[in-house]
N, C-alpha and C. Protein backbone atom coordinates (compact mmCIF):
# COMPACT_ATOMS: atom_id res chain seq x y z
N MET A 1 132.57 55.05 75.68
CA MET A 1 132.79 56.39 76.47
C MET A 1 132.52 56.23 77.84
N GLU A 2 133.42 56.62 78.72
CA GLU A 2 133.34 56.38 80.07
C GLU A 2 132.42 57.48 80.83
N ALA A 3 131.80 57.20 81.90
CA ALA A 3 130.92 58.06 82.65
C ALA A 3 131.60 59.46 82.90
N THR A 4 132.90 59.42 83.27
CA THR A 4 133.54 60.54 83.62
C THR A 4 133.85 61.54 82.33
N GLU A 5 134.09 60.83 81.09
CA GLU A 5 134.14 61.62 79.92
C GLU A 5 132.95 62.41 79.54
N LEU A 6 131.76 61.46 79.79
CA LEU A 6 130.52 62.16 79.53
C LEU A 6 130.14 63.20 80.49
N GLY A 7 130.49 63.11 81.72
CA GLY A 7 130.18 64.06 82.64
C GLY A 7 131.03 65.28 82.38
N ILE A 8 132.13 65.16 81.86
CA ILE A 8 133.03 66.40 81.61
C ILE A 8 132.49 67.07 80.39
N LYS A 9 131.87 66.30 79.36
CA LYS A 9 131.42 66.91 78.18
C LYS A 9 130.10 67.72 78.60
N ILE A 10 129.34 67.12 79.42
CA ILE A 10 128.10 67.87 79.81
C ILE A 10 128.42 69.08 80.78
N MET A 11 129.35 68.93 81.60
CA MET A 11 129.72 70.11 82.50
C MET A 11 130.58 71.13 81.96
N LYS A 12 131.33 70.98 80.85
CA LYS A 12 132.13 71.78 80.28
C LYS A 12 131.32 73.09 79.89
N PRO A 13 130.27 72.94 79.04
CA PRO A 13 129.45 74.15 78.58
C PRO A 13 128.79 74.96 79.88
N ILE A 14 128.45 74.07 80.88
CA ILE A 14 127.68 74.78 82.07
C ILE A 14 128.77 75.82 82.78
N PHE A 15 130.10 75.38 82.78
CA PHE A 15 130.92 76.30 83.41
C PHE A 15 131.70 77.09 82.41
N ASN A 16 131.11 77.36 81.29
CA ASN A 16 131.85 78.36 80.51
C ASN A 16 131.75 79.74 81.03
N LYS A 17 132.80 80.46 81.00
CA LYS A 17 132.81 81.80 81.67
C LYS A 17 131.89 82.79 81.01
N TYR A 18 131.53 82.77 79.80
CA TYR A 18 130.58 83.63 79.32
C TYR A 18 129.12 83.27 79.77
N LEU A 19 128.98 82.04 79.91
CA LEU A 19 127.60 81.63 80.49
C LEU A 19 127.49 81.87 81.97
N ILE A 20 128.41 81.78 82.73
CA ILE A 20 128.50 82.21 84.00
C ILE A 20 128.26 83.65 84.30
N THR A 21 128.93 84.43 83.39
CA THR A 21 128.78 85.81 83.46
C THR A 21 127.34 86.26 83.07
N LEU A 22 126.87 85.64 82.06
CA LEU A 22 125.42 86.04 81.54
C LEU A 22 124.40 85.71 82.63
N VAL A 23 124.62 84.54 83.33
CA VAL A 23 123.69 84.27 84.31
C VAL A 23 123.88 85.11 85.53
N GLY A 24 124.97 85.42 85.95
CA GLY A 24 125.19 86.36 87.03
C GLY A 24 124.66 87.76 86.71
N PHE A 25 124.84 88.15 85.38
CA PHE A 25 124.27 89.47 85.11
C PHE A 25 122.67 89.42 85.15
N LEU A 26 122.11 88.31 84.65
CA LEU A 26 120.67 88.29 84.56
C LEU A 26 120.18 88.34 86.11
N VAL A 27 120.80 87.56 86.95
CA VAL A 27 120.30 87.57 88.38
C VAL A 27 120.61 88.97 88.93
N TRP A 28 121.68 89.58 88.66
CA TRP A 28 121.78 90.82 89.20
C TRP A 28 120.77 91.95 88.67
N ILE A 29 120.41 91.82 87.49
CA ILE A 29 119.41 92.78 86.89
C ILE A 29 117.98 92.46 87.57
N MET A 30 117.72 91.08 87.72
CA MET A 30 116.36 90.78 88.19
C MET A 30 116.19 90.99 89.57
N PHE A 31 117.11 90.88 90.44
CA PHE A 31 117.00 91.09 91.82
C PHE A 31 117.56 92.11 92.61
N PHE A 32 118.73 92.52 92.18
CA PHE A 32 119.60 93.36 93.02
C PHE A 32 119.70 94.75 92.39
N ASP A 33 119.46 95.05 91.19
CA ASP A 33 119.62 96.34 90.48
C ASP A 33 118.53 97.28 91.07
N GLU A 34 118.78 98.67 90.90
CA GLU A 34 117.81 99.64 91.43
C GLU A 34 116.51 99.48 90.63
N ASN A 35 116.60 99.14 89.36
CA ASN A 35 115.42 98.91 88.55
C ASN A 35 115.03 97.46 88.37
N ASN A 36 114.97 96.71 89.50
CA ASN A 36 114.79 95.30 89.33
C ASN A 36 113.37 94.77 88.88
N LEU A 37 113.18 93.63 88.94
CA LEU A 37 111.86 93.02 88.38
C LEU A 37 110.76 93.51 89.22
N ARG A 38 110.90 93.44 90.56
CA ARG A 38 109.85 93.84 91.53
C ARG A 38 109.41 95.34 91.29
N GLN A 39 110.59 96.15 91.19
CA GLN A 39 110.28 97.60 91.01
C GLN A 39 109.66 97.77 89.64
N HIS A 40 110.00 97.04 88.62
CA HIS A 40 109.36 97.25 87.40
C HIS A 40 107.84 96.85 87.43
N LEU A 41 107.45 95.82 88.08
CA LEU A 41 106.16 95.40 88.28
C LEU A 41 105.44 96.47 89.05
N GLN A 42 105.92 97.02 90.01
CA GLN A 42 105.21 98.20 90.93
C GLN A 42 105.04 99.34 89.99
N ASN A 43 106.02 99.71 89.18
CA ASN A 43 105.82 100.93 88.24
C ASN A 43 104.74 100.58 87.25
N ARG A 44 104.65 99.34 86.88
CA ARG A 44 103.59 99.20 85.76
C ARG A 44 102.20 99.23 86.51
N GLN A 45 102.07 98.79 87.80
CA GLN A 45 100.74 98.88 88.33
C GLN A 45 100.45 100.37 88.68
N GLU A 46 101.40 101.16 89.13
CA GLU A 46 101.26 102.53 89.32
C GLU A 46 100.88 103.32 88.10
N LEU A 47 101.51 102.86 86.89
CA LEU A 47 101.11 103.45 85.66
C LEU A 47 99.68 103.20 85.31
N ALA A 48 99.20 102.01 85.54
CA ALA A 48 97.84 101.58 85.17
C ALA A 48 96.95 102.37 86.06
N LEU A 49 97.10 102.58 87.34
CA LEU A 49 96.47 103.41 88.27
C LEU A 49 96.26 104.89 87.63
N LEU A 50 97.43 105.35 87.34
CA LEU A 50 97.55 106.83 87.03
C LEU A 50 96.88 106.92 85.58
N GLU A 51 96.84 106.07 84.66
CA GLU A 51 96.19 106.08 83.53
C GLU A 51 94.54 106.02 83.80
N ALA A 52 94.16 105.16 84.64
CA ALA A 52 92.73 105.25 84.97
C ALA A 52 92.38 106.55 85.64
N GLN A 53 93.15 107.14 86.38
CA GLN A 53 92.90 108.49 86.93
C GLN A 53 92.64 109.52 85.79
N VAL A 54 93.55 109.39 84.81
CA VAL A 54 93.67 110.40 83.74
C VAL A 54 92.26 110.26 82.93
N ASN A 55 91.90 109.08 82.70
CA ASN A 55 90.63 108.78 82.09
C ASN A 55 89.38 109.39 82.82
N PHE A 56 89.39 109.17 84.15
CA PHE A 56 88.42 109.60 84.93
C PHE A 56 88.33 111.15 84.91
N TYR A 57 89.38 111.78 85.03
CA TYR A 57 89.45 113.24 85.02
C TYR A 57 89.00 113.78 83.68
N LYS A 58 89.46 113.15 82.54
CA LYS A 58 89.03 113.46 81.19
C LYS A 58 87.66 113.46 81.03
N GLN A 59 86.91 112.44 81.70
CA GLN A 59 85.49 112.46 81.45
C GLN A 59 84.79 113.33 82.33
N LYS A 60 85.34 113.67 83.56
CA LYS A 60 84.78 114.63 84.45
C LYS A 60 85.05 115.99 83.66
N ILE A 61 86.11 116.41 83.22
CA ILE A 61 86.23 117.65 82.46
C ILE A 61 85.20 117.83 81.38
N GLU A 62 84.95 116.72 80.52
CA GLU A 62 83.98 116.69 79.54
C GLU A 62 82.60 117.01 79.95
N ALA A 63 82.22 116.45 81.17
CA ALA A 63 80.91 116.59 81.69
C ALA A 63 80.82 117.92 82.12
N ASP A 64 81.85 118.44 82.79
CA ASP A 64 81.73 119.93 83.24
C ASP A 64 81.70 120.89 82.13
N LYS A 65 82.40 120.65 81.05
CA LYS A 65 82.35 121.57 79.86
C LYS A 65 80.93 121.48 79.33
N ARG A 66 80.22 120.33 79.27
CA ARG A 66 78.91 120.38 78.83
C ARG A 66 77.99 120.98 79.70
N LYS A 67 78.15 120.82 81.06
CA LYS A 67 77.33 121.63 81.95
C LYS A 67 77.49 123.08 81.88
N LEU A 68 78.79 123.51 81.69
CA LEU A 68 79.02 124.85 81.62
C LEU A 68 78.41 125.49 80.32
N TYR A 69 78.44 124.83 79.29
CA TYR A 69 77.88 125.27 78.04
C TYR A 69 76.48 125.41 78.24
N GLU A 70 75.79 124.44 78.87
CA GLU A 70 74.36 124.56 79.05
C GLU A 70 73.99 125.68 79.98
N LEU A 71 74.78 125.96 80.94
CA LEU A 71 74.49 127.14 82.03
C LEU A 71 74.63 128.42 81.17
N GLN A 72 75.65 128.47 80.31
CA GLN A 72 75.86 129.79 79.52
C GLN A 72 74.91 130.16 78.47
N THR A 73 74.27 129.12 78.00
CA THR A 73 73.38 129.15 76.81
C THR A 73 71.87 129.12 77.21
N ASN A 74 71.56 128.72 78.42
CA ASN A 74 70.19 128.47 78.65
C ASN A 74 69.83 129.02 80.06
N ASP A 75 68.99 130.10 80.11
CA ASP A 75 68.58 130.85 81.29
C ASP A 75 67.93 129.92 82.24
N ALA A 76 67.05 128.96 81.72
CA ALA A 76 66.26 128.12 82.61
C ALA A 76 67.20 127.04 83.30
N ASN A 77 68.23 126.58 82.62
CA ASN A 77 69.21 125.72 83.32
C ASN A 77 70.00 126.61 84.36
N LEU A 78 70.32 127.70 84.11
CA LEU A 78 71.13 128.51 85.02
C LEU A 78 70.24 128.75 86.21
N GLU A 79 68.98 129.03 86.05
CA GLU A 79 68.19 129.30 87.26
C GLU A 79 67.98 127.92 88.19
N LYS A 80 67.78 126.91 87.43
CA LYS A 80 67.69 125.49 88.12
C LYS A 80 68.98 125.15 88.82
N PHE A 81 70.18 125.49 88.18
CA PHE A 81 71.39 125.08 88.85
C PHE A 81 71.52 126.02 90.10
N ALA A 82 71.27 127.32 89.98
CA ALA A 82 71.49 128.33 91.21
C ALA A 82 70.51 127.81 92.27
N ARG A 83 69.29 127.39 91.94
CA ARG A 83 68.38 126.95 93.02
C ARG A 83 68.96 125.68 93.79
N GLU A 84 69.39 124.84 92.94
CA GLU A 84 69.84 123.49 93.38
C GLU A 84 71.13 123.58 94.26
N GLN A 85 72.02 124.28 93.61
CA GLN A 85 73.48 124.28 94.18
C GLN A 85 73.68 125.28 95.22
N PHE A 86 73.01 126.49 95.08
CA PHE A 86 73.26 127.54 96.06
C PHE A 86 72.11 127.93 96.80
N LEU A 87 71.08 127.17 96.74
CA LEU A 87 69.80 127.37 97.54
C LEU A 87 69.22 128.78 97.30
N MET A 88 69.50 129.35 96.07
CA MET A 88 68.92 130.59 95.85
C MET A 88 67.31 130.50 95.53
N LYS A 89 66.66 131.62 95.89
CA LYS A 89 65.30 131.67 95.98
C LYS A 89 64.77 132.96 95.46
N LYS A 90 63.41 132.90 95.02
CA LYS A 90 62.85 134.19 94.78
C LYS A 90 62.22 134.96 96.05
N ALA A 91 61.91 136.05 95.86
CA ALA A 91 61.49 136.90 97.11
C ALA A 91 60.32 136.37 97.82
N ASP A 92 59.42 135.78 97.12
CA ASP A 92 58.08 135.22 97.85
C ASP A 92 58.23 133.71 97.93
N GLU A 93 59.37 133.23 98.01
CA GLU A 93 59.60 131.53 98.18
C GLU A 93 60.23 131.37 99.54
N GLU A 94 59.93 130.15 100.00
CA GLU A 94 60.66 129.63 101.13
C GLU A 94 61.44 128.25 100.68
N ILE A 95 62.49 127.94 101.10
CA ILE A 95 63.13 126.74 100.70
C ILE A 95 63.32 125.88 101.96
N TYR A 96 62.94 124.63 101.73
CA TYR A 96 63.12 123.54 102.82
C TYR A 96 64.20 122.57 102.22
N VAL A 97 65.26 122.32 103.01
CA VAL A 97 66.25 121.50 102.71
C VAL A 97 66.04 120.15 103.33
N ILE A 98 65.85 119.03 102.53
CA ILE A 98 65.55 117.72 103.10
C ILE A 98 66.91 116.84 103.02
N VAL A 99 67.41 116.47 104.10
CA VAL A 99 68.69 115.73 104.14
C VAL A 99 68.40 114.21 104.51
N GLU A 100 68.71 113.38 103.57
CA GLU A 100 68.49 111.98 103.71
C GLU A 100 69.67 111.40 104.59
N GLU A 101 69.38 110.68 105.74
CA GLU A 101 70.42 110.01 106.43
C GLU A 101 70.47 108.55 106.02
N ASN A 102 71.79 108.13 105.89
CA ASN A 102 71.97 106.79 105.45
C ASN A 102 72.18 105.87 106.50
């Protein structure tokens, strides 16, 4: 077998029109399409960030629900909350607010 015949046998499948079309399609999809590979990766990162935010807010909602339940069912907790958050006081008390500077 001559070198040219071997080269032709090797090159013939490479230049198959279907293979060229497939490679062209894959290159187009990966780099030039509206939903290309880079955009797909960015969307996955944004999805991960949004899922983390959803989890954070779900935990915050649960904590607020527990706090609300405690405030609605226990008068001592309600008084403590009012004093701490709204600086409410009894008639014969004075409040001093201490602010820590960082």
